[in-house]
Amino acid sequence: MAFRMEPVTAYEKLRTEILRGGLKPGERLRVSELNGKFQLGLTPIREALVRLSSEGLVVTEANRGARVRETSLAELHDLTETRQKIEAWCLERAMEKGTKVWEADVLRHLYLLNHAELPEGPDDREREAEWERLHRAFHFSLVHPCGSDWSLHIWNMLVDQTERYRNLRLLTFRTSRSKVEMMIEEHENIANAVIKRDTAKALELMHSHLQNTATAVERILIADT
């Protein structure tokens, strides 16, 4: 018996396009044009834009329609600082509550991420999407035992927003092999500190890791202005 995959909804499709950079920051979102491009239906697209607006991924303006939320250095700094605080809170409590099964899960996600292929160029959307999925899964594996559904909800919202910025780094293809190796080392060091329950070191490494990513994206934003 063959199983059918559920069709992608307008909300899921547009959300993915925004997070992955297919719909770029500041781009106008005209319903008729989106329907012509994705064939999702006018009403589902309108409903999706309303939902994405409530999530902060789309901005609507009176008499001007909708557009993808723009990027800015000020927002990047704000997101990074907020993410660092939430990540630290969740990570510390995850280390208090986590089990041996959790430790094994962290190592499994680390292995999968370390062996993921990076994009070969700015048009390599498939590898970019898979790398991002594994990267997010690794970070989520670190914090998910924290025991607070609301904290994880906020964590996911922040990751959605920071993902738009991080993909600028992937899609512009400005990551050298040495930087990739440094990123892998950062992930490994964080995982090792977490499993050893070295709270101070794990929090310090995570704070630096998030800051390093933000600094790399900041350079791209400045170069593109």
C-alpha atoms as a PDB file:
ATOM      1  CA  MET A   1       0.000   0.000   0.000  1.00  0.00           C
ATOM      2  CA  ALA A   2       1.434   3.361  -1.051  1.00  0.00           C
ATOM      3  CA  PHE A   3       1.311   6.278   1.349  1.00  0.00           C
ATOM      4  CA  ARG A   4       0.624   9.777   0.087  1.00  0.00           C
ATOM      5  CA  MET A   5       2.418  12.753   1.493  1.00  0.00           C
ATOM      6  CA  GLU A   6       0.138  15.530   2.690  1.00  0.00           C
ATOM      7  CA  PRO A   7       0.252  18.543   0.359  1.00  0.00           C
ATOM      8  CA  VAL A   8       2.230  21.522   1.621  1.00  0.00           C
ATOM      9  CA  THR A   9      -0.063  24.306   2.813  1.00  0.00           C
ATOM     10  CA  ALA A  10       0.279  27.907   1.691  1.00  0.00           C
ATOM     11  CA  TYR A  11       1.413  28.843   5.187  1.00  0.00           C
ATOM     12  CA  GLU A  12       4.117  26.150   5.267  1.00  0.00           C
ATOM     13  CA  LYS A  13       5.357  26.998   1.784  1.00  0.00           C
ATOM     14  CA  LEU A  14       5.580  30.755   2.302  1.00  0.00           C
ATOM     15  CA  ARG A  15       7.081  30.351   5.748  1.00  0.00           C
ATOM     16  CA  THR A  16       9.790  28.064   4.377  1.00  0.00           C
ATOM     17  CA  GLU A  17      10.525  30.437   1.514  1.00  0.00           C
ATOM     18  CA  ILE A  18      10.949  33.329   3.956  1.00  0.00           C
ATOM     19  CA  LEU A  19      13.148  31.416   6.395  1.00  0.00           C
ATOM     20  CA  ARG A  20      15.284  29.900   3.617  1.00  0.00           C
ATOM     21  CA  GLY A  21      15.697  33.175   1.711  1.00  0.00           C
ATOM     22  CA  GLY A  22      13.591  32.286  -1.337  1.00  0.00           C
ATOM     23  CA  LEU A  23      11.468  35.317  -0.466  1.00  0.00           C
ATOM     24  CA  LYS A  24      14.019  37.931   0.474  1.00  0.00           C
ATOM     25  CA  PRO A  25      13.931  40.530   3.269  1.00  0.00           C
ATOM     26  CA  GLY A  26      11.895  43.556   2.196  1.00  0.00           C
ATOM     27  CA  GLU A  27      10.353  41.766  -0.808  1.00  0.00           C
ATOM     28  CA  ARG A  28       6.756  42.741  -1.626  1.00  0.00           C
ATOM     29  CA  LEU A  29       4.261  39.914  -1.214  1.00  0.00           C
ATOM     30  CA  ARG A  30       1.500  40.365  -3.768  1.00  0.00           C
ATOM     31  CA  VAL A  31      -1.133  37.659  -3.528  1.00  0.00           C
ATOM     32  CA  SER A  32      -1.637  37.292  -7.283  1.00  0.00           C
ATOM     33  CA  GLU A  33       2.108  37.043  -7.938  1.00  0.00           C
ATOM     34  CA  LEU A  34       2.595  34.488  -5.158  1.00  0.00           C
ATOM     35  CA  ASN A  35      -0.238  32.404  -6.534  1.00  0.00           C
ATOM     36  CA  GLY A  36       1.225  32.561 -10.018  1.00  0.00           C
ATOM     37  CA  LYS A  37       4.571  31.383  -8.676  1.00  0.00           C
ATOM     38  CA  PHE A  38       3.463  28.706  -6.211  1.00  0.00           C
ATOM     39  CA  GLN A  39      -0.117  27.826  -7.302  1.00  0.00           C
ATOM     40  CA  LEU A  40      -1.404  27.762  -3.725  1.00  0.00           C
ATOM     41  CA  GLY A  41      -4.744  29.551  -4.135  1.00  0.00           C
ATOM     42  CA  LEU A  42      -5.606  33.192  -3.458  1.00  0.00           C
ATOM     43  CA  THR A  43      -7.548  32.672  -0.227  1.00  0.00           C
ATOM     44  CA  PRO A  44      -4.977  30.297   1.358  1.00  0.00           C
ATOM     45  CA  ILE A  45      -2.216  32.775   0.529  1.00  0.00           C
ATOM     46  CA  ARG A  46      -4.110  35.674   2.123  1.00  0.00           C
ATOM     47  CA  GLU A  47      -4.714  33.584   5.237  1.00  0.00           C
ATOM     48  CA  ALA A  48      -1.067  32.527   5.312  1.00  0.00           C
ATOM     49  CA  LEU A  49       0.122  36.146   5.139  1.00  0.00           C
ATOM     50  CA  VAL A  50      -2.080  37.068   8.094  1.00  0.00           C
ATOM     51  CA  ARG A  51      -0.653  34.198  10.130  1.00  0.00           C
ATOM     52  CA  LEU A  52       2.931  35.005   9.136  1.00  0.00           C
ATOM     53  CA  SER A  53       2.321  38.627  10.087  1.00  0.00           C
ATOM     54  CA  SER A  54       1.285  37.526  13.587  1.00  0.00           C
ATOM     55  CA  GLU A  55       4.603  35.634  13.818  1.00  0.00           C
ATOM     56  CA  GLY A  56       6.621  38.687  12.817  1.00  0.00           C
ATOM     57  CA  LEU A  57       7.915  37.190   9.571  1.00  0.00           C
ATOM     58  CA  VAL A  58       5.702  39.400   7.393  1.00  0.00           C
ATOM     59  CA  VAL A  59       4.952  43.102   7.791  1.00  0.00           C
ATOM     60  CA  THR A  60       1.622  44.529   6.611  1.00  0.00           C
ATOM     61  CA  GLU A  61       1.094  48.226   5.928  1.00  0.00           C
ATOM     62  CA  ALA A  62      -2.133  50.101   5.286  1.00  0.00           C
ATOM     63  CA  ASN A  63      -2.679  50.628   1.552  1.00  0.00           C
ATOM     64  CA  ARG A  64       0.719  49.084   0.752  1.00  0.00           C
ATOM     65  CA  GLY A  65       0.096  45.385   1.261  1.00  0.00           C
ATOM     66  CA  ALA A  66       2.554  42.941   2.765  1.00  0.00           C
ATOM     67  CA  ARG A  67       6.296  42.447   2.570  1.00  0.00           C
ATOM     68  CA  VAL A  68       8.882  40.138   4.077  1.00  0.00           C
ATOM     69  CA  ARG A  69      10.278  41.538   7.304  1.00  0.00           C
ATOM     70  CA  GLU A  70      13.499  43.351   6.568  1.00  0.00           C
ATOM     71  CA  THR A  71      16.827  42.625   8.229  1.00  0.00           C
ATOM     72  CA  SER A  72      18.818  45.182  10.183  1.00  0.00           C
ATOM     73  CA  LEU A  73      21.856  45.343  12.430  1.00  0.00           C
ATOM     74  CA  ALA A  74      19.732  46.639  15.306  1.00  0.00           C
ATOM     75  CA  GLU A  75      17.348  43.689  15.080  1.00  0.00           C
ATOM     76  CA  LEU A  76      20.228  41.222  14.716  1.00  0.00           C
ATOM     77  CA  HIS A  77      21.801  42.539  17.930  1.00  0.00           C
ATOM     78  CA  ASP A  78      18.472  42.420  19.768  1.00  0.00           C
ATOM     79  CA  LEU A  79      17.692  38.884  18.571  1.00  0.00           C
ATOM     80  CA  THR A  80      21.158  37.633  19.467  1.00  0.00           C
ATOM     81  CA  GLU A  81      21.086  39.054  22.981  1.00  0.00           C
ATOM     82  CA  THR A  82      17.586  37.715  23.631  1.00  0.00           C
ATOM     83  CA  ARG A  83      18.444  34.312  22.167  1.00  0.00           C
ATOM     84  CA  GLN A  84      21.546  34.101  24.352  1.00  0.00           C
ATOM     85  CA  LYS A  85      19.479  34.696  27.483  1.00  0.00           C
ATOM     86  CA  ILE A  86      16.732  32.201  26.603  1.00  0.00           C
ATOM     87  CA  GLU A  87      19.252  29.612  25.420  1.00  0.00           C
ATOM     88  CA  ALA A  88      21.198  29.902  28.673  1.00  0.00           C
ATOM     89  CA  TRP A  89      18.052  29.500  30.796  1.00  0.00           C
ATOM     90  CA  CYS A  90      16.885  26.444  28.857  1.00  0.00           C
ATOM     91  CA  LEU A  91      20.321  24.861  28.635  1.00  0.00           C
ATOM     92  CA  GLU A  92      21.053  25.169  32.333  1.00  0.00           C
ATOM     93  CA  ARG A  93      17.778  23.481  33.261  1.00  0.00           C
ATOM     94  CA  ALA A  94      18.223  20.825  30.591  1.00  0.00           C
ATOM     95  CA  MET A  95      21.538  19.870  32.189  1.00  0.00           C
ATOM     96  CA  GLU A  96      19.780  19.573  35.552  1.00  0.00           C
ATOM     97  CA  LYS A  97      16.982  17.362  34.193  1.00  0.00           C
ATOM     98  CA  GLY A  98      18.619  15.507  31.297  1.00  0.00           C
ATOM     99  CA  THR A  99      19.072  11.721  31.337  1.00  0.00           C
ATOM    100  CA  LYS A 100      21.582   9.360  29.731  1.00  0.00           C
ATOM    101  CA  VAL A 101      19.108   8.867  26.888  1.00  0.00           C
ATOM    102  CA  TRP A 102      19.176  12.635  26.371  1.00  0.00           C
ATOM    103  CA  GLU A 103      22.971  12.619  26.280  1.00  0.00           C
ATOM    104  CA  ALA A 104      22.900   9.934  23.582  1.00  0.00           C
ATOM    105  CA  ASP A 105      20.357  11.974  21.633  1.00  0.00           C
ATOM    106  CA  VAL A 106      22.621  15.043  21.739  1.00  0.00           C
ATOM    107  CA  LEU A 107      25.555  12.998  20.411  1.00  0.00           C
ATOM    108  CA  ARG A 108      23.387  11.511  17.650  1.00  0.00           C
ATOM    109  CA  HIS A 109      22.294  14.950  16.443  1.00  0.00           C
ATOM    110  CA  LEU A 110      25.873  16.211  16.665  1.00  0.00           C
ATOM    111  CA  TYR A 111      27.079  13.327  14.483  1.00  0.00           C
ATOM    112  CA  LEU A 112      24.402  13.946  11.857  1.00  0.00           C
ATOM    113  CA  LEU A 113      25.166  17.670  11.746  1.00  0.00           C
ATOM    114  CA  ASN A 114      28.922  17.151  11.501  1.00  0.00           C
ATOM    115  CA  HIS A 115      28.425  14.861   8.491  1.00  0.00           C
ATOM    116  CA  ALA A 116      25.929  17.087   6.680  1.00  0.00           C
ATOM    117  CA  GLU A 117      27.005  18.576   3.357  1.00  0.00           C
ATOM    118  CA  LEU A 118      27.195  22.352   3.192  1.00  0.00           C
ATOM    119  CA  PRO A 119      25.733  24.214   0.191  1.00  0.00           C
ATOM    120  CA  GLU A 120      28.010  24.288  -2.846  1.00  0.00           C
ATOM    121  CA  GLY A 121      26.788  27.727  -3.893  1.00  0.00           C
ATOM    122  CA  PRO A 122      24.043  30.327  -3.388  1.00  0.00           C
ATOM    123  CA  ASP A 123      21.570  28.319  -5.494  1.00  0.00           C
ATOM    124  CA  ASP A 124      22.092  25.058  -3.609  1.00  0.00           C
ATOM    125  CA  ARG A 125      18.818  25.337  -1.712  1.00  0.00           C
ATOM    126  CA  GLU A 126      18.443  21.623  -1.069  1.00  0.00           C
ATOM    127  CA  ARG A 127      21.694  21.219   0.861  1.00  0.00           C
ATOM    128  CA  GLU A 128      21.110  24.519   2.638  1.00  0.00           C
ATOM    129  CA  ALA A 129      17.674  23.380   3.822  1.00  0.00           C
ATOM    130  CA  GLU A 130      18.987  20.025   5.041  1.00  0.00           C
ATOM    131  CA  TRP A 131      21.930  21.600   6.869  1.00  0.00           C
ATOM    132  CA  GLU A 132      19.628  24.095   8.545  1.00  0.00           C
ATOM    133  CA  ARG A 133      17.228  21.329   9.605  1.00  0.00           C
ATOM    134  CA  LEU A 134      20.040  19.335  11.205  1.00  0.00           C
ATOM    135  CA  HIS A 135      21.557  22.428  12.811  1.00  0.00           C
ATOM    136  CA  ARG A 136      18.257  23.350  14.399  1.00  0.00           C
ATOM    137  CA  ALA A 137      17.674  19.767  15.529  1.00  0.00           C
ATOM    138  CA  PHE A 138      21.068  19.702  17.246  1.00  0.00           C
ATOM    139  CA  HIS A 139      20.430  22.925  19.128  1.00  0.00           C
ATOM    140  CA  PHE A 140      16.936  21.793  20.093  1.00  0.00           C
ATOM    141  CA  SER A 141      18.287  18.482  21.372  1.00  0.00           C
ATOM    142  CA  LEU A 142      20.419  20.440  23.828  1.00  0.00           C
ATOM    143  CA  VAL A 143      17.577  22.410  25.410  1.00  0.00           C
ATOM    144  CA  HIS A 144      14.430  20.309  25.057  1.00  0.00           C
ATOM    145  CA  PRO A 145      14.561  18.621  28.520  1.00  0.00           C
ATOM    146  CA  CYS A 146      14.363  22.035  30.250  1.00  0.00           C
ATOM    147  CA  GLY A 147      10.785  21.305  31.354  1.00  0.00           C
ATOM    148  CA  SER A 148       9.171  24.573  30.218  1.00  0.00           C
ATOM    149  CA  ASP A 149       6.847  24.478  27.213  1.00  0.00           C
ATOM    150  CA  TRP A 150       6.613  28.263  27.097  1.00  0.00           C
ATOM    151  CA  SER A 151      10.388  28.693  27.165  1.00  0.00           C
ATOM    152  CA  LEU A 152      10.722  26.243  24.279  1.00  0.00           C
ATOM    153  CA  HIS A 153       7.948  28.063  22.412  1.00  0.00           C
ATOM    154  CA  ILE A 154       9.847  31.334  22.772  1.00  0.00           C
ATOM    155  CA  TRP A 155      13.075  29.531  21.840  1.00  0.00           C
ATOM    156  CA  ASN A 156      11.495  28.325  18.597  1.00  0.00           C
ATOM    157  CA  MET A 157      10.231  31.818  17.759  1.00  0.00           C
ATOM    158  CA  LEU A 158      13.705  33.268  18.262  1.00  0.00           C
ATOM    159  CA  VAL A 159      15.295  30.520  16.170  1.00  0.00           C
ATOM    160  CA  ASP A 160      12.825  31.256  13.347  1.00  0.00           C
ATOM    161  CA  GLN A 161      13.863  34.909  13.357  1.00  0.00           C
ATOM    162  CA  THR A 162      17.593  34.270  13.675  1.00  0.00           C
ATOM    163  CA  GLU A 163      17.354  31.623  10.947  1.00  0.00           C
ATOM    164  CA  ARG A 164      16.554  34.380   8.432  1.00  0.00           C
ATOM    165  CA  TYR A 165      19.853  36.017   9.305  1.00  0.00           C
ATOM    166  CA  ARG A 166      21.922  32.856   9.532  1.00  0.00           C
ATOM    167  CA  ASN A 167      20.824  31.819   6.049  1.00  0.00           C
ATOM    168  CA  LEU A 168      22.372  35.001   4.682  1.00  0.00           C
ATOM    169  CA  ARG A 169      25.679  33.424   5.651  1.00  0.00           C
ATOM    170  CA  LEU A 170      24.869  30.094   4.016  1.00  0.00           C
ATOM    171  CA  LEU A 171      23.237  31.416   0.867  1.00  0.00           C
ATOM    172  CA  THR A 172      25.907  34.019   0.142  1.00  0.00           C
ATOM    173  CA  PHE A 173      28.404  31.155   0.310  1.00  0.00           C
ATOM    174  CA  ARG A 174      30.977  33.093   2.296  1.00  0.00           C
ATOM    175  CA  THR A 175      31.954  30.301   4.690  1.00  0.00           C
ATOM    176  CA  SER A 176      35.482  28.970   4.153  1.00  0.00           C
ATOM    177  CA  ARG A 177      36.546  25.434   5.066  1.00  0.00           C
ATOM    178  CA  SER A 178      38.459  26.731   8.084  1.00  0.00           C
ATOM    179  CA  LYS A 179      35.331  28.480   9.362  1.00  0.00           C
ATOM    180  CA  VAL A 180      33.295  25.326   8.858  1.00  0.00           C
ATOM    181  CA  GLU A 181      35.853  23.370  10.882  1.00  0.00           C
ATOM    182  CA  MET A 182      35.713  26.027  13.598  1.00  0.00           C
ATOM    183  CA  MET A 183      31.918  25.772  13.680  1.00  0.00           C
ATOM    184  CA  ILE A 184      32.121  21.970  13.992  1.00  0.00           C
ATOM    185  CA  GLU A 185      34.594  22.329  16.859  1.00  0.00           C
ATOM    186  CA  GLU A 186      32.280  24.786  18.621  1.00  0.00           C
ATOM    187  CA  HIS A 187      29.367  22.339  18.410  1.00  0.00           C
ATOM    188  CA  GLU A 188      31.523  19.478  19.712  1.00  0.00           C
ATOM    189  CA  ASN A 189      32.853  21.535  22.624  1.00  0.00           C
ATOM    190  CA  ILE A 190      29.339  22.605  23.614  1.00  0.00           C
ATOM    191  CA  ALA A 191      28.049  19.032  23.483  1.00  0.00           C
ATOM    192  CA  ASN A 192      30.967  17.736  25.553  1.00  0.00           C
ATOM    193  CA  ALA A 193      30.527  20.409  28.224  1.00  0.00           C
ATOM    194  CA  VAL A 194      26.784  19.749  28.385  1.00  0.00           C
ATOM    195  CA  ILE A 195      27.217  15.985  28.793  1.00  0.00           C
ATOM    196  CA  LYS A 196      29.830  16.531  31.525  1.00  0.00           C
ATOM    197  CA  ARG A 197      27.319  18.866  33.219  1.00  0.00           C
ATOM    198  CA  ASP A 198      29.955  21.620  33.252  1.00  0.00           C
ATOM    199  CA  THR A 199      27.361  24.360  33.463  1.00  0.00           C
ATOM    200  CA  ALA A 200      29.664  27.374  33.500  1.00  0.00           C
ATOM    201  CA  LYS A 201      31.677  26.174  30.513  1.00  0.00           C
ATOM    202  CA  ALA A 202      28.610  25.078  28.516  1.00  0.00           C
ATOM    203  CA  LEU A 203      26.903  28.449  28.991  1.00  0.00           C
ATOM    204  CA  GLU A 204      30.076  30.342  28.104  1.00  0.00           C
ATOM    205  CA  LEU A 205      30.615  28.267  24.957  1.00  0.00           C
ATOM    206  CA  MET A 206      27.007  28.645  23.842  1.00  0.00           C
ATOM    207  CA  HIS A 207      27.082  32.402  24.403  1.00  0.00           C
ATOM    208  CA  SER A 208      30.249  32.681  22.292  1.00  0.00           C
ATOM    209  CA  HIS A 209      28.872  30.364  19.607  1.00  0.00           C
ATOM    210  CA  LEU A 210      25.741  32.455  19.103  1.00  0.00           C
ATOM    211  CA  GLN A 211      27.815  35.636  19.151  1.00  0.00           C
ATOM    212  CA  ASN A 212      30.253  34.297  16.541  1.00  0.00           C
ATOM    213  CA  THR A 213      27.380  33.520  14.185  1.00  0.00           C
ATOM    214  CA  ALA A 214      25.886  36.969  14.711  1.00  0.00           C
ATOM    215  CA  THR A 215      29.259  38.621  14.070  1.00  0.00           C
ATOM    216  CA  ALA A 216      29.682  36.731  10.787  1.00  0.00           C
ATOM    217  CA  VAL A 217      26.198  37.759   9.652  1.00  0.00           C
ATOM    218  CA  GLU A 218      26.862  41.338  10.738  1.00  0.00           C
ATOM    219  CA  ARG A 219      29.849  41.505   8.392  1.00  0.00           C
ATOM    220  CA  ILE A 220      27.631  40.379   5.503  1.00  0.00           C
ATOM    221  CA  LEU A 221      24.965  42.978   6.307  1.00  0.00           C
ATOM    222  CA  ILE A 222      27.564  45.731   6.469  1.00  0.00           C
ATOM    223  CA  ALA A 223      29.232  44.586   3.222  1.00  0.00           C
ATOM    224  CA  ASP A 224      25.881  44.569   1.409  1.00  0.00           C
ATOM    225  CA  THR A 225      24.895  48.101   2.449  1.00  0.00           C
END
